[in-house]
PDB file of N, CA and C in Angstrom:
ATOM      1  N   MET A   1      18.438 -10.020 -10.461  1.00  0.00           N
ATOM      2  CA  MET A   1      17.682  -8.782 -10.574  1.00  0.00           C
ATOM      3  C   MET A   1      16.580  -8.790  -9.516  1.00  0.00           C
ATOM      4  N   ASN A   2      16.437  -7.696  -8.804  1.00  0.00           N
ATOM      5  CA  ASN A   2      15.406  -7.547  -7.794  1.00  0.00           C
ATOM      6  C   ASN A   2      14.055  -7.397  -8.490  1.00  0.00           C
ATOM      7  N   GLU A   3      13.142  -8.326  -8.232  1.00  0.00           N
ATOM      8  CA  GLU A   3      11.843  -8.344  -8.911  1.00  0.00           C
ATOM      9  C   GLU A   3      10.954  -7.162  -8.530  1.00  0.00           C
ATOM     10  N   ASN A   4      11.263  -6.461  -7.445  1.00  0.00           N
ATOM     11  CA  ASN A   4      10.424  -5.359  -6.984  1.00  0.00           C
ATOM     12  C   ASN A   4      10.864  -4.002  -7.522  1.00  0.00           C
ATOM     13  N   ARG A   5      11.930  -3.970  -8.311  1.00  0.00           N
ATOM     14  CA  ARG A   5      12.409  -2.686  -8.832  1.00  0.00           C
ATOM     15  C   ARG A   5      11.403  -2.115  -9.826  1.00  0.00           C
ATOM     16  N   ARG A   6      11.217  -0.814  -9.745  1.00  0.00           N
ATOM     17  CA  ARG A   6      10.294  -0.155 -10.670  1.00  0.00           C
ATOM     18  C   ARG A   6      10.962   0.140 -11.999  1.00  0.00           C
ATOM     19  N   TRP A   7      12.179   0.653 -11.977  1.00  0.00           N
ATOM     20  CA  TRP A   7      12.871   1.083 -13.193  1.00  0.00           C
ATOM     21  C   TRP A   7      13.867   0.019 -13.630  1.00  0.00           C
ATOM     22  N   LEU A   8      13.758  -0.409 -14.881  1.00  0.00           N
ATOM     23  CA  LEU A   8      14.646  -1.427 -15.428  1.00  0.00           C
ATOM     24  C   LEU A   8      15.355  -0.883 -16.658  1.00  0.00           C
ATOM     25  N   THR A   9      16.527  -1.425 -16.921  1.00  0.00           N
ATOM     26  CA  THR A   9      17.246  -1.054 -18.137  1.00  0.00           C
ATOM     27  C   THR A   9      16.573  -1.702 -19.339  1.00  0.00           C
ATOM     28  N   ILE A  10      16.956  -1.239 -20.512  1.00  0.00           N
ATOM     29  CA  ILE A  10      16.442  -1.836 -21.742  1.00  0.00           C
ATOM     30  C   ILE A  10      16.769  -3.329 -21.775  1.00  0.00           C
ATOM     31  N   LYS A  11      17.998  -3.677 -21.428  1.00  0.00           N
ATOM     32  CA  LYS A  11      18.424  -5.078 -21.463  1.00  0.00           C
ATOM     33  C   LYS A  11      17.586  -5.943 -20.515  1.00  0.00           C
ATOM     34  N   GLU A  12      17.365  -5.451 -19.296  1.00  0.00           N
ATOM     35  CA  GLU A  12      16.572  -6.209 -18.319  1.00  0.00           C
ATOM     36  C   GLU A  12      15.132  -6.389 -18.798  1.00  0.00           C
ATOM     37  N   THR A  13      14.562  -5.316 -19.338  1.00  0.00           N
ATOM     38  CA  THR A  13      13.183  -5.383 -19.820  1.00  0.00           C
ATOM     39  C   THR A  13      13.084  -6.326 -21.008  1.00  0.00           C
ATOM     40  N   ALA A  14      14.040  -6.256 -21.916  1.00  0.00           N
ATOM     41  CA  ALA A  14      14.044  -7.133 -23.084  1.00  0.00           C
ATOM     42  C   ALA A  14      14.092  -8.595 -22.651  1.00  0.00           C
ATOM     43  N   GLN A  15      14.900  -8.891 -21.645  1.00  0.00           N
ATOM     44  CA  GLN A  15      14.987 -10.260 -21.156  1.00  0.00           C
ATOM     45  C   GLN A  15      13.662 -10.720 -20.560  1.00  0.00           C
ATOM     46  N   LYS A  16      13.018  -9.845 -19.786  1.00  0.00           N
ATOM     47  CA  LYS A  16      11.737 -10.205 -19.165  1.00  0.00           C
ATOM     48  C   LYS A  16      10.642 -10.440 -20.205  1.00  0.00           C
ATOM     49  N   LEU A  17      10.671  -9.651 -21.282  1.00  0.00           N
ATOM     50  CA  LEU A  17       9.629  -9.742 -22.300  1.00  0.00           C
ATOM     51  C   LEU A  17       9.982 -10.695 -23.436  1.00  0.00           C
ATOM     52  N   GLY A  18      11.228 -11.139 -23.477  1.00  0.00           N
ATOM     53  CA  GLY A  18      11.654 -12.012 -24.570  1.00  0.00           C
ATOM     54  C   GLY A  18      11.731 -11.281 -25.897  1.00  0.00           C
ATOM     55  N   MET A  19      12.153 -10.021 -25.835  1.00  0.00           N
ATOM     56  CA  MET A  19      12.252  -9.173 -27.021  1.00  0.00           C
ATOM     57  C   MET A  19      13.702  -8.760 -27.242  1.00  0.00           C
ATOM     58  N   HIS A  20      13.978  -8.298 -28.427  1.00  0.00           N
ATOM     59  CA  HIS A  20      15.301  -7.758 -28.721  1.00  0.00           C
ATOM     60  C   HIS A  20      15.358  -6.321 -28.189  1.00  0.00           C
ATOM     61  N   PRO A  21      16.481  -5.911 -27.603  1.00  0.00           N
ATOM     62  CA  PRO A  21      16.597  -4.544 -27.071  1.00  0.00           C
ATOM     63  C   PRO A  21      16.308  -3.462 -28.109  1.00  0.00           C
ATOM     64  N   PHE A  22      16.699  -3.669 -29.363  1.00  0.00           N
ATOM     65  CA  PHE A  22      16.431  -2.656 -30.392  1.00  0.00           C
ATOM     66  C   PHE A  22      14.935  -2.450 -30.601  1.00  0.00           C
ATOM     67  N   SER A  23      14.161  -3.517 -30.454  1.00  0.00           N
ATOM     68  CA  SER A  23      12.698  -3.387 -30.567  1.00  0.00           C
ATOM     69  C   SER A  23      12.161  -2.490 -29.462  1.00  0.00           C
ATOM     70  N   LEU A  24      12.704  -2.638 -28.258  1.00  0.00           N
ATOM     71  CA  LEU A  24      12.274  -1.789 -27.141  1.00  0.00           C
ATOM     72  C   LEU A  24      12.661  -0.337 -27.360  1.00  0.00           C
ATOM     73  N   TYR A  25      13.874  -0.100 -27.870  1.00  0.00           N
ATOM     74  CA  TYR A  25      14.284   1.274 -28.180  1.00  0.00           C
ATOM     75  C   TYR A  25      13.293   1.905 -29.157  1.00  0.00           C
ATOM     76  N   ARG A  26      12.900   1.148 -30.156  1.00  0.00           N
ATOM     77  CA  ARG A  26      11.966   1.653 -31.172  1.00  0.00           C
ATOM     78  C   ARG A  26      10.615   1.991 -30.529  1.00  0.00           C
ATOM     79  N   LEU A  27      10.097   1.084 -29.691  1.00  0.00           N
ATOM     80  CA  LEU A  27       8.810   1.313 -29.041  1.00  0.00           C
ATOM     81  C   LEU A  27       8.873   2.503 -28.075  1.00  0.00           C
ATOM     82  N   CYS A  28       9.989   2.656 -27.385  1.00  0.00           N
ATOM     83  CA  CYS A  28      10.165   3.814 -26.485  1.00  0.00           C
ATOM     84  C   CYS A  28      10.175   5.102 -27.292  1.00  0.00           C
ATOM     85  N   GLY A  29      10.852   5.086 -28.409  1.00  0.00           N
ATOM     86  CA  GLY A  29      10.916   6.269 -29.270  1.00  0.00           C
ATOM     87  C   GLY A  29       9.554   6.685 -29.796  1.00  0.00           C
ATOM     88  N   ARG A  30       8.673   5.724 -29.973  1.00  0.00           N
ATOM     89  CA  ARG A  30       7.302   5.999 -30.439  1.00  0.00           C
ATOM     90  C   ARG A  30       6.363   6.363 -29.296  1.00  0.00           C
ATOM     91  N   GLY A  31       6.861   6.267 -28.062  1.00  0.00           N
ATOM     92  CA  GLY A  31       6.027   6.572 -26.899  1.00  0.00           C
ATOM     93  C   GLY A  31       5.114   5.432 -26.493  1.00  0.00           C
ATOM     94  N   GLN A  32       5.366   4.233 -27.010  1.00  0.00           N
ATOM     95  CA  GLN A  32       4.511   3.088 -26.712  1.00  0.00           C
ATOM     96  C   GLN A  32       4.935   2.338 -25.456  1.00  0.00           C
ATOM     97  N   ILE A  33       6.115   2.648 -24.945  1.00  0.00           N
ATOM     98  CA  ILE A  33       6.630   2.038 -23.719  1.00  0.00           C
ATOM     99  C   ILE A  33       6.968   3.179 -22.759  1.00  0.00           C
ATOM    100  N   PRO A  34       6.470   3.111 -21.503  1.00  0.00           N
ATOM    101  CA  PRO A  34       6.777   4.173 -20.538  1.00  0.00           C
ATOM    102  C   PRO A  34       8.251   4.139 -20.137  1.00  0.00           C
ATOM    103  N   ALA A  35       8.964   5.198 -20.472  1.00  0.00           N
ATOM    104  CA  ALA A  35      10.405   5.233 -20.215  1.00  0.00           C
ATOM    105  C   ALA A  35      10.852   6.647 -19.875  1.00  0.00           C
ATOM    106  N   ALA A  36      12.046   6.722 -19.296  1.00  0.00           N
ATOM    107  CA  ALA A  36      12.659   8.011 -18.973  1.00  0.00           C
ATOM    108  C   ALA A  36      14.153   7.887 -19.213  1.00  0.00           C
ATOM    109  N   LYS A  37      14.759   8.992 -19.607  1.00  0.00           N
ATOM    110  CA  LYS A  37      16.195   9.004 -19.825  1.00  0.00           C
ATOM    111  C   LYS A  37      16.847   9.659 -18.609  1.00  0.00           C
ATOM    112  N   LEU A  38      17.850   8.974 -18.066  1.00  0.00           N
ATOM    113  CA  LEU A  38      18.545   9.469 -16.885  1.00  0.00           C
ATOM    114  C   LEU A  38      20.036   9.257 -17.096  1.00  0.00           C
ATOM    115  N   GLY A  39      20.764  10.349 -17.176  1.00  0.00           N
ATOM    116  CA  GLY A  39      22.204  10.251 -17.357  1.00  0.00           C
ATOM    117  C   GLY A  39      22.608   9.520 -18.624  1.00  0.00           C
ATOM    118  N   GLY A  40      21.863   9.701 -19.671  1.00  0.00           N
ATOM    119  CA  GLY A  40      22.179   9.046 -20.932  1.00  0.00           C
ATOM    120  C   GLY A  40      21.694   7.608 -21.019  1.00  0.00           C
ATOM    121  N   LYS A  41      21.056   7.117 -19.974  1.00  0.00           N
ATOM    122  CA  LYS A  41      20.567   5.743 -19.942  1.00  0.00           C
ATOM    123  C   LYS A  41      19.039   5.754 -20.017  1.00  0.00           C
ATOM    124  N   LEU A  42      18.490   4.935 -20.884  1.00  0.00           N
ATOM    125  CA  LEU A  42      17.044   4.826 -21.021  1.00  0.00           C
ATOM    126  C   LEU A  42      16.543   3.779 -20.041  1.00  0.00           C
ATOM    127  N   LEU A  43      15.604   4.171 -19.180  1.00  0.00           N
ATOM    128  CA  LEU A  43      15.051   3.269 -18.176  1.00  0.00           C
ATOM    129  C   LEU A  43      13.560   3.072 -18.429  1.00  0.00           C
ATOM    130  N   ILE A  44      13.112   1.855 -18.242  1.00  0.00           N
ATOM    131  CA  ILE A  44      11.714   1.491 -18.464  1.00  0.00           C
ATOM    132  C   ILE A  44      10.985   1.479 -17.127  1.00  0.00           C
ATOM    133  N   ASP A  45       9.801   2.086 -17.100  1.00  0.00           N
ATOM    134  CA  ASP A  45       8.953   2.050 -15.911  1.00  0.00           C
ATOM    135  C   ASP A  45       8.194   0.716 -15.945  1.00  0.00           C
ATOM    136  N   TRP A  46       8.756  -0.289 -15.286  1.00  0.00           N
ATOM    137  CA  TRP A  46       8.219  -1.639 -15.375  1.00  0.00           C
ATOM    138  C   TRP A  46       6.795  -1.731 -14.818  1.00  0.00           C
ATOM    139  N   ARG A  47       6.509  -1.051 -13.723  1.00  0.00           N
ATOM    140  CA  ARG A  47       5.161  -1.126 -13.126  1.00  0.00           C
ATOM    141  C   ARG A  47       4.103  -0.614 -14.091  1.00  0.00           C
ATOM    142  N   ARG A  48       4.384   0.525 -14.732  1.00  0.00           N
ATOM    143  CA  ARG A  48       3.409   1.073 -15.697  1.00  0.00           C
ATOM    144  C   ARG A  48       3.280   0.178 -16.911  1.00  0.00           C
ATOM    145  N   LEU A  49       4.390  -0.356 -17.393  1.00  0.00           N
ATOM    146  CA  LEU A  49       4.347  -1.241 -18.551  1.00  0.00           C
ATOM    147  C   LEU A  49       3.551  -2.501 -18.222  1.00  0.00           C
ATOM    148  N   GLU A  50       3.813  -3.085 -17.078  1.00  0.00           N
ATOM    149  CA  GLU A  50       3.107  -4.298 -16.675  1.00  0.00           C
ATOM    150  C   GLU A  50       1.603  -4.038 -16.530  1.00  0.00           C
ATOM    151  N   ALA A  51       1.238  -2.892 -15.943  1.00  0.00           N
ATOM    152  CA  ALA A  51      -0.177  -2.535 -15.789  1.00  0.00           C
ATOM    153  C   ALA A  51      -0.844  -2.368 -17.153  1.00  0.00           C
ATOM    154  N   GLU A  52      -0.151  -1.732 -18.091  1.00  0.00           N
ATOM    155  CA  GLU A  52      -0.707  -1.552 -19.438  1.00  0.00           C
ATOM    156  C   GLU A  52      -0.881  -2.893 -20.139  1.00  0.00           C
ATOM    157  N   LEU A  53       0.077  -3.779 -20.005  1.00  0.00           N
ATOM    158  CA  LEU A  53      -0.046  -5.106 -20.602  1.00  0.00           C
ATOM    159  C   LEU A  53      -1.246  -5.856 -20.022  1.00  0.00           C
ATOM    160  N   GLU A  54      -1.447  -5.753 -18.706  1.00  0.00           N
ATOM    161  CA  GLU A  54      -2.598  -6.393 -18.060  1.00  0.00           C
ATOM    162  C   GLU A  54      -3.917  -5.832 -18.599  1.00  0.00           C
ATOM    163  N   ARG A  55      -3.981  -4.490 -18.770  1.00  0.00           N
ATOM    164  CA  ARG A  55      -5.195  -3.876 -19.317  1.00  0.00           C
ATOM    165  C   ARG A  55      -5.471  -4.382 -20.723  1.00  0.00           C
ATOM    166  N   GLN A  56      -4.440  -4.496 -21.534  1.00  0.00           N
ATOM    167  CA  GLN A  56      -4.615  -4.974 -22.903  1.00  0.00           C
ATOM    168  C   GLN A  56      -5.090  -6.424 -22.917  1.00  0.00           C
ATOM    169  N   ILE A  57      -4.558  -7.242 -22.016  1.00  0.00           N
ATOM    170  CA  ILE A  57      -4.983  -8.642 -21.936  1.00  0.00           C
ATOM    171  C   ILE A  57      -6.448  -8.722 -21.522  1.00  0.00           C
ATOM    172  N   GLU A  58      -6.849  -7.904 -20.533  1.00  0.00           N
ATOM    173  CA  GLU A  58      -8.246  -7.894 -20.089  1.00  0.00           C
ATOM    174  C   GLU A  58      -9.179  -7.461 -21.205  1.00  0.00           C
ATOM    175  N   ARG A  59      -8.793  -6.405 -21.940  1.00  0.00           N
ATOM    176  CA  ARG A  59      -9.627  -5.945 -23.064  1.00  0.00           C
ATOM    177  C   ARG A  59      -9.750  -7.031 -24.118  1.00  0.00           C
ATOM    178  N   GLY A  60      -8.660  -7.713 -24.386  1.00  0.00           N
ATOM    179  CA  GLY A  60      -8.675  -8.784 -25.377  1.00  0.00           C
ATOM    180  C   GLY A  60      -9.551  -9.938 -24.945  1.00  0.00           C
ATOM    181  N   ALA A  61      -9.534 -10.248 -23.657  1.00  0.00           N
ATOM    182  CA  ALA A  61     -10.343 -11.350 -23.128  1.00  0.00           C
ATOM    183  C   ALA A  61     -11.832 -11.025 -23.186  1.00  0.00           C
ATOM    184  N   ARG A  62     -12.164  -9.737 -23.086  1.00  0.00           N
ATOM    185  CA  ARG A  62     -13.561  -9.308 -23.167  1.00  0.00           C
ATOM    186  C   ARG A  62     -14.007  -9.110 -24.596  1.00  0.00           C
ATOM    187  N   GLY A  63     -13.067  -9.145 -25.530  1.00  0.00           N
ATOM    188  CA  GLY A  63     -13.411  -8.965 -26.932  1.00  0.00           C
ATOM    189  C   GLY A  63     -13.582  -7.527 -27.357  1.00  0.00           C
ATOM    190  N   THR A  64     -13.081  -6.576 -26.527  1.00  0.00           N
ATOM    191  CA  THR A  64     -13.173  -5.164 -26.886  1.00  0.00           C
ATOM    192  C   THR A  64     -11.799  -4.614 -27.173  1.00  0.00           C
ATOM    193  N   LYS A  65     -11.767  -3.541 -27.916  1.00  0.00           N
ATOM    194  CA  LYS A  65     -10.477  -2.945 -28.248  1.00  0.00           C
ATOM    195  C   LYS A  65     -10.421  -1.512 -27.857  1.00  0.00           C
TER     196      LYS A  65
END
């Protein structure tokens, strides 16, 4: 997998995060994961997801929520 790709499949994202694909589908359905549907395939915006995870880690390290 090309590490510089912006859009990843559910399976690729699940592997990177160590999550089950069904968990990602659920989070996408709730709007908690940046995703788009293209041709019947759900794609994850990896750059936005990674940036959001970094923000959450920084907030946690500062003790704010």
